[in-house]
Amino acid sequence: MKNSICLAIVVLFFSLPVFSQVKKANFLVVKVGSKYSEPQIVKAFSAANMCGQFLISKSNDIILDDGSIIRFLSKKEIGLNSTLSDDCFLPDNTKFPKVLWSIMSNGYVGKGISVAPNKNNFKNN
């Protein structure tokens, strides 16, 4: 009995550091659209470096090309356990350009930036 208690204490002692290093989620899947499943979205965004999409005290929603909505939590919401650098958080009044977000066939997050038409891009006949 005494050995069982000691063994339990030792296992608990070595398990605590593992649980304390669990990465806290920096985003939520608010809505799942028509093209991607929730596990696909979570896997893609968990692996992606989304630094620069987070605000200090407000959440930031992005919309994927299928209508899925991902909410990046604020520094305030994530709290002290954040694994993100302070440089990843932008002021709340930051304006983001309109982009087309997607998950590519290889599972990576794609960020398509719209480009305004430019007369230099067109060929004159």
N, C-alpha and C. Protein backbone atom coordinates (compact mmCIF):
# COMPACT_ATOMS: atom_id res chain seq x y z
N MET A 1 0.83 -1.19 0.00
CA MET A 1 0.00 0.00 0.00
C MET A 1 0.87 1.25 0.00
N LYS A 2 1.90 1.24 0.82
CA LYS A 2 2.80 2.38 0.93
C LYS A 2 3.53 2.60 -0.40
N ASN A 3 3.91 1.51 -1.07
CA ASN A 3 4.59 1.63 -2.36
C ASN A 3 3.67 2.19 -3.43
N SER A 4 2.40 1.81 -3.38
CA SER A 4 1.42 2.32 -4.36
C SER A 4 1.23 3.82 -4.22
N ILE A 5 1.18 4.30 -3.01
CA ILE A 5 1.03 5.74 -2.76
C ILE A 5 2.27 6.48 -3.25
N CYS A 6 3.44 5.94 -2.96
CA CYS A 6 4.68 6.58 -3.41
C CYS A 6 4.75 6.60 -4.94
N LEU A 7 4.36 5.50 -5.56
CA LEU A 7 4.36 5.43 -7.01
C LEU A 7 3.39 6.46 -7.61
N ALA A 8 2.23 6.58 -7.02
CA ALA A 8 1.23 7.54 -7.49
C ALA A 8 1.76 8.97 -7.38
N ILE A 9 2.43 9.26 -6.29
CA ILE A 9 2.99 10.60 -6.09
C ILE A 9 4.08 10.89 -7.12
N VAL A 10 4.92 9.91 -7.39
CA VAL A 10 6.00 10.08 -8.37
C VAL A 10 5.41 10.30 -9.77
N VAL A 11 4.41 9.51 -10.14
CA VAL A 11 3.78 9.67 -11.45
C VAL A 11 3.13 11.04 -11.56
N LEU A 12 2.43 11.45 -10.53
CA LEU A 12 1.79 12.77 -10.52
C LEU A 12 2.83 13.88 -10.64
N PHE A 13 3.93 13.73 -9.93
CA PHE A 13 5.00 14.73 -9.95
C PHE A 13 5.56 14.91 -11.36
N PHE A 14 5.76 13.81 -12.08
CA PHE A 14 6.32 13.90 -13.42
C PHE A 14 5.27 14.24 -14.48
N SER A 15 4.01 14.08 -14.16
CA SER A 15 2.94 14.40 -15.12
C SER A 15 2.60 15.88 -15.14
N LEU A 16 2.76 16.56 -14.04
CA LEU A 16 2.39 17.98 -13.97
C LEU A 16 3.10 18.85 -14.99
N PRO A 17 4.41 18.70 -15.19
CA PRO A 17 5.06 19.55 -16.20
C PRO A 17 4.51 19.31 -17.60
N VAL A 18 4.12 18.10 -17.91
CA VAL A 18 3.57 17.81 -19.23
C VAL A 18 2.26 18.55 -19.42
N PHE A 19 1.37 18.50 -18.43
CA PHE A 19 0.08 19.16 -18.54
C PHE A 19 0.22 20.67 -18.50
N SER A 20 1.20 21.19 -17.83
CA SER A 20 1.35 22.64 -17.75
C SER A 20 1.88 23.22 -19.05
N GLN A 21 2.43 22.37 -19.94
CA GLN A 21 2.96 22.86 -21.20
C GLN A 21 1.96 22.71 -22.35
N VAL A 22 0.75 22.28 -22.05
CA VAL A 22 -0.26 22.16 -23.10
C VAL A 22 -0.53 23.54 -23.68
N LYS A 23 -0.45 23.63 -24.99
CA LYS A 23 -0.62 24.90 -25.68
C LYS A 23 -2.08 25.34 -25.59
N LYS A 24 -2.30 26.53 -25.07
CA LYS A 24 -3.66 27.07 -24.98
C LYS A 24 -4.07 27.59 -26.35
N ALA A 25 -5.30 27.32 -26.71
CA ALA A 25 -5.80 27.75 -28.02
C ALA A 25 -5.79 29.27 -28.14
N ASN A 26 -5.35 29.74 -29.29
CA ASN A 26 -5.31 31.17 -29.58
C ASN A 26 -6.47 31.58 -30.48
N PHE A 27 -7.29 30.60 -30.89
CA PHE A 27 -8.39 30.89 -31.80
C PHE A 27 -9.55 29.94 -31.51
N LEU A 28 -10.71 30.32 -32.04
CA LEU A 28 -11.91 29.49 -31.96
C LEU A 28 -12.51 29.37 -33.35
N VAL A 29 -13.11 28.23 -33.63
CA VAL A 29 -13.87 28.07 -34.86
C VAL A 29 -15.30 28.46 -34.52
N VAL A 30 -15.73 29.60 -35.01
CA VAL A 30 -17.05 30.13 -34.70
C VAL A 30 -18.11 29.48 -35.59
N LYS A 31 -17.76 29.28 -36.86
CA LYS A 31 -18.70 28.72 -37.82
C LYS A 31 -17.94 27.84 -38.80
N VAL A 32 -18.50 26.69 -39.12
CA VAL A 32 -17.91 25.81 -40.12
C VAL A 32 -18.70 25.99 -41.41
N GLY A 33 -17.98 26.26 -42.48
CA GLY A 33 -18.61 26.49 -43.77
C GLY A 33 -18.87 25.20 -44.53
N SER A 34 -18.88 25.31 -45.85
CA SER A 34 -19.27 24.19 -46.70
C SER A 34 -18.11 23.37 -47.26
N LYS A 35 -16.90 23.85 -47.15
CA LYS A 35 -15.76 23.20 -47.82
C LYS A 35 -14.82 22.47 -46.86
N TYR A 36 -14.63 22.99 -45.68
CA TYR A 36 -13.66 22.44 -44.73
C TYR A 36 -14.38 21.92 -43.49
N SER A 37 -13.85 20.85 -42.91
CA SER A 37 -14.41 20.33 -41.66
C SER A 37 -13.74 21.05 -40.50
N GLU A 38 -14.36 20.98 -39.33
CA GLU A 38 -13.76 21.62 -38.16
C GLU A 38 -12.38 21.04 -37.85
N PRO A 39 -12.18 19.71 -37.90
CA PRO A 39 -10.83 19.19 -37.66
C PRO A 39 -9.79 19.71 -38.67
N GLN A 40 -10.18 19.88 -39.94
CA GLN A 40 -9.26 20.45 -40.94
C GLN A 40 -8.88 21.87 -40.56
N ILE A 41 -9.86 22.65 -40.15
CA ILE A 41 -9.62 24.05 -39.79
C ILE A 41 -8.70 24.13 -38.58
N VAL A 42 -9.01 23.35 -37.56
CA VAL A 42 -8.22 23.38 -36.32
C VAL A 42 -6.79 22.95 -36.61
N LYS A 43 -6.61 21.90 -37.40
CA LYS A 43 -5.26 21.41 -37.72
C LYS A 43 -4.47 22.47 -38.49
N ALA A 44 -5.09 23.06 -39.50
CA ALA A 44 -4.41 24.06 -40.33
C ALA A 44 -4.01 25.29 -39.53
N PHE A 45 -4.94 25.81 -38.73
CA PHE A 45 -4.64 27.03 -37.99
C PHE A 45 -3.76 26.78 -36.77
N SER A 46 -3.77 25.57 -36.23
CA SER A 46 -2.87 25.24 -35.13
C SER A 46 -1.43 25.20 -35.61
N ALA A 47 -1.24 24.77 -36.85
CA ALA A 47 0.12 24.67 -37.41
C ALA A 47 0.61 25.98 -38.01
N ALA A 48 -0.30 26.88 -38.34
CA ALA A 48 0.06 28.13 -39.03
C ALA A 48 0.62 29.17 -38.06
N ASN A 49 1.51 29.99 -38.58
CA ASN A 49 2.01 31.14 -37.82
C ASN A 49 1.10 32.32 -38.16
N MET A 50 0.19 32.61 -37.26
CA MET A 50 -0.78 33.67 -37.51
C MET A 50 -0.41 34.96 -36.77
N CYS A 51 0.83 35.09 -36.42
CA CYS A 51 1.32 36.28 -35.75
C CYS A 51 0.95 37.51 -36.59
N GLY A 52 0.44 38.53 -35.95
CA GLY A 52 0.03 39.74 -36.66
C GLY A 52 -1.47 39.76 -36.94
N GLN A 53 -2.18 38.69 -36.58
CA GLN A 53 -3.63 38.66 -36.75
C GLN A 53 -4.34 38.85 -35.41
N PHE A 54 -3.58 39.01 -34.35
CA PHE A 54 -4.13 39.13 -33.00
C PHE A 54 -4.12 40.58 -32.55
N LEU A 55 -5.18 40.96 -31.84
CA LEU A 55 -5.28 42.32 -31.30
C LEU A 55 -5.10 42.27 -29.79
N ILE A 56 -4.88 43.41 -29.18
CA ILE A 56 -4.59 43.47 -27.75
C ILE A 56 -5.81 43.17 -26.89
N SER A 57 -6.93 43.85 -27.13
CA SER A 57 -8.07 43.62 -26.24
C SER A 57 -9.37 43.26 -26.98
N LYS A 58 -9.30 43.11 -28.31
CA LYS A 58 -10.47 42.72 -29.09
C LYS A 58 -10.14 41.46 -29.89
N SER A 59 -11.15 40.62 -30.08
CA SER A 59 -10.93 39.46 -30.95
C SER A 59 -10.98 39.91 -32.40
N ASN A 60 -10.43 39.10 -33.29
CA ASN A 60 -10.36 39.41 -34.70
C ASN A 60 -10.90 38.22 -35.48
N ASP A 61 -12.00 38.40 -36.19
CA ASP A 61 -12.59 37.33 -36.99
C ASP A 61 -12.09 37.40 -38.42
N ILE A 62 -11.79 36.22 -38.98
CA ILE A 62 -11.52 36.13 -40.41
C ILE A 62 -12.51 35.13 -41.00
N ILE A 63 -12.77 35.29 -42.28
CA ILE A 63 -13.72 34.42 -42.96
C ILE A 63 -12.98 33.69 -44.08
N LEU A 64 -13.13 32.36 -44.08
CA LEU A 64 -12.52 31.56 -45.14
C LEU A 64 -13.38 31.60 -46.39
N ASP A 65 -12.84 31.12 -47.49
CA ASP A 65 -13.54 31.16 -48.77
C ASP A 65 -14.82 30.32 -48.80
N ASP A 66 -15.04 29.47 -47.80
CA ASP A 66 -16.26 28.66 -47.76
C ASP A 66 -17.28 29.20 -46.74
N GLY A 67 -16.96 30.33 -46.13
CA GLY A 67 -17.87 30.91 -45.15
C GLY A 67 -17.53 30.57 -43.71
N SER A 68 -16.53 29.72 -43.49
CA SER A 68 -16.10 29.41 -42.12
C SER A 68 -15.59 30.67 -41.45
N ILE A 69 -15.84 30.79 -40.16
CA ILE A 69 -15.38 31.96 -39.41
C ILE A 69 -14.45 31.49 -38.31
N ILE A 70 -13.24 32.08 -38.28
CA ILE A 70 -12.25 31.78 -37.26
C ILE A 70 -12.04 33.05 -36.46
N ARG A 71 -12.11 32.92 -35.15
CA ARG A 71 -11.94 34.07 -34.26
C ARG A 71 -10.59 33.96 -33.57
N PHE A 72 -9.71 34.92 -33.85
CA PHE A 72 -8.43 35.00 -33.14
C PHE A 72 -8.67 35.74 -31.84
N LEU A 73 -8.32 35.11 -30.75
CA LEU A 73 -8.56 35.70 -29.43
C LEU A 73 -7.59 36.84 -29.18
N SER A 74 -8.00 37.77 -28.35
CA SER A 74 -7.16 38.91 -28.00
C SER A 74 -6.12 38.49 -26.96
N LYS A 75 -5.15 39.34 -26.78
CA LYS A 75 -4.13 39.09 -25.76
C LYS A 75 -4.80 38.98 -24.39
N LYS A 76 -5.79 39.82 -24.17
CA LYS A 76 -6.54 39.82 -22.91
C LYS A 76 -7.27 38.48 -22.71
N GLU A 77 -7.88 37.95 -23.78
CA GLU A 77 -8.61 36.69 -23.69
C GLU A 77 -7.69 35.49 -23.52
N ILE A 78 -6.54 35.53 -24.19
CA ILE A 78 -5.59 34.42 -24.10
C ILE A 78 -4.97 34.36 -22.72
N GLY A 79 -4.69 35.53 -22.16
CA GLY A 79 -4.15 35.59 -20.80
C GLY A 79 -2.65 35.40 -20.72
N LEU A 80 -2.19 35.15 -19.54
CA LEU A 80 -0.76 35.05 -19.27
C LEU A 80 -0.12 33.80 -19.84
N ASN A 81 -0.91 32.78 -20.15
CA ASN A 81 -0.36 31.53 -20.65
C ASN A 81 -0.09 31.56 -22.15
N SER A 82 -0.12 32.71 -22.76
CA SER A 82 0.08 32.82 -24.20
C SER A 82 1.47 32.36 -24.60
N THR A 83 1.53 31.59 -25.67
CA THR A 83 2.82 31.19 -26.23
C THR A 83 3.26 32.17 -27.31
N LEU A 84 2.44 33.18 -27.56
CA LEU A 84 2.75 34.17 -28.59
C LEU A 84 3.63 35.28 -28.05
N SER A 85 4.49 35.77 -28.88
CA SER A 85 5.33 36.92 -28.55
C SER A 85 4.45 38.17 -28.48
N ASP A 86 4.85 39.14 -27.69
CA ASP A 86 4.12 40.40 -27.62
C ASP A 86 4.05 41.09 -28.98
N ASP A 87 5.03 40.81 -29.85
CA ASP A 87 5.05 41.41 -31.19
C ASP A 87 3.91 40.89 -32.07
N CYS A 88 3.28 39.79 -31.70
CA CYS A 88 2.19 39.21 -32.50
C CYS A 88 0.88 39.96 -32.31
N PHE A 89 0.80 40.79 -31.28
CA PHE A 89 -0.44 41.51 -30.97
C PHE A 89 -0.35 42.94 -31.50
N LEU A 90 -1.40 43.33 -32.21
CA LEU A 90 -1.45 44.66 -32.81
C LEU A 90 -2.47 45.52 -32.06
N PRO A 91 -2.37 46.85 -32.20
CA PRO A 91 -3.35 47.73 -31.55
C PRO A 91 -4.77 47.42 -32.03
N ASP A 92 -5.74 47.67 -31.17
CA ASP A 92 -7.13 47.35 -31.48
C ASP A 92 -7.68 48.11 -32.69
N ASN A 93 -7.11 49.25 -33.02
CA ASN A 93 -7.62 50.05 -34.15
C ASN A 93 -6.96 49.66 -35.48
N THR A 94 -6.21 48.57 -35.52
CA THR A 94 -5.56 48.11 -36.74
C THR A 94 -6.60 47.74 -37.78
N LYS A 95 -6.40 48.22 -38.99
CA LYS A 95 -7.29 47.89 -40.12
C LYS A 95 -6.58 46.84 -40.97
N PHE A 96 -7.25 45.73 -41.21
CA PHE A 96 -6.69 44.66 -42.02
C PHE A 96 -7.21 44.78 -43.45
N PRO A 97 -6.36 44.52 -44.44
CA PRO A 97 -6.84 44.54 -45.83
C PRO A 97 -7.78 43.35 -46.06
N LYS A 98 -8.68 43.51 -47.01
CA LYS A 98 -9.60 42.42 -47.35
C LYS A 98 -8.81 41.35 -48.10
N VAL A 99 -8.82 40.14 -47.56
CA VAL A 99 -8.09 39.04 -48.19
C VAL A 99 -9.00 37.83 -48.30
N LEU A 100 -8.62 36.90 -49.15
CA LEU A 100 -9.35 35.66 -49.32
C LEU A 100 -8.57 34.55 -48.64
N TRP A 101 -9.06 34.11 -47.49
CA TRP A 101 -8.41 33.05 -46.73
C TRP A 101 -8.91 31.70 -47.21
N SER A 102 -8.04 30.70 -47.20
CA SER A 102 -8.43 29.35 -47.58
C SER A 102 -7.51 28.35 -46.91
N ILE A 103 -7.87 27.09 -47.02
CA ILE A 103 -6.99 26.00 -46.60
C ILE A 103 -6.63 25.25 -47.87
N MET A 104 -5.35 25.20 -48.16
CA MET A 104 -4.89 24.60 -49.41
C MET A 104 -4.92 23.08 -49.31
N SER A 105 -4.76 22.42 -50.43
CA SER A 105 -4.85 20.95 -50.48
C SER A 105 -3.79 20.27 -49.61
N ASN A 106 -2.67 20.94 -49.35
CA ASN A 106 -1.63 20.36 -48.49
C ASN A 106 -1.87 20.64 -47.00
N GLY A 107 -2.99 21.30 -46.68
CA GLY A 107 -3.35 21.55 -45.29
C GLY A 107 -2.86 22.87 -44.72
N TYR A 108 -2.12 23.64 -45.52
CA TYR A 108 -1.63 24.94 -45.05
C TYR A 108 -2.70 26.01 -45.23
N VAL A 109 -2.60 27.04 -44.41
CA VAL A 109 -3.51 28.18 -44.53
C VAL A 109 -3.01 29.06 -45.66
N GLY A 110 -3.93 29.43 -46.54
CA GLY A 110 -3.59 30.30 -47.66
C GLY A 110 -4.20 31.68 -47.46
N LYS A 111 -3.41 32.70 -47.73
CA LYS A 111 -3.87 34.08 -47.60
C LYS A 111 -3.72 34.75 -48.96
N GLY A 112 -4.85 34.88 -49.65
CA GLY A 112 -4.84 35.52 -50.96
C GLY A 112 -5.08 37.00 -50.82
N ILE A 113 -4.17 37.79 -51.34
CA ILE A 113 -4.29 39.25 -51.25
C ILE A 113 -4.82 39.77 -52.57
N SER A 114 -5.88 40.54 -52.50
CA SER A 114 -6.44 41.09 -53.73
C SER A 114 -5.57 42.25 -54.20
N VAL A 115 -5.39 42.31 -55.51
CA VAL A 115 -4.56 43.34 -56.11
C VAL A 115 -5.46 44.22 -56.97
N ALA A 116 -5.33 45.51 -56.80
CA ALA A 116 -6.10 46.44 -57.62
C ALA A 116 -5.61 46.37 -59.06
N PRO A 117 -6.51 46.46 -60.02
CA PRO A 117 -6.09 46.43 -61.43
C PRO A 117 -5.10 47.56 -61.71
N ASN A 118 -4.14 47.25 -62.51
CA ASN A 118 -3.09 48.21 -62.85
C ASN A 118 -2.92 48.16 -64.36
N LYS A 119 -2.90 49.32 -65.01
CA LYS A 119 -2.80 49.34 -66.47
C LYS A 119 -1.51 48.69 -66.96
N ASN A 120 -0.48 48.61 -66.13
CA ASN A 120 0.78 47.98 -66.52
C ASN A 120 0.66 46.46 -66.60
N ASN A 121 -0.42 45.90 -66.00
CA ASN A 121 -0.62 44.46 -66.03
C ASN A 121 -1.35 44.00 -67.29
N PHE A 122 -1.84 44.93 -68.10
CA PHE A 122 -2.60 44.59 -69.28
C PHE A 122 -1.76 44.83 -70.54
N LYS A 123 -1.93 43.95 -71.48
CA LYS A 123 -1.18 44.04 -72.74
C LYS A 123 -2.02 44.85 -73.75
N ASN A 124 -1.43 45.82 -74.37
CA ASN A 124 -2.11 46.59 -75.41
C ASN A 124 -1.89 45.91 -76.75
N ASN A 125 -2.97 45.79 -77.52
CA ASN A 125 -2.87 45.18 -78.87
C ASN A 125 -2.70 46.23 -79.91
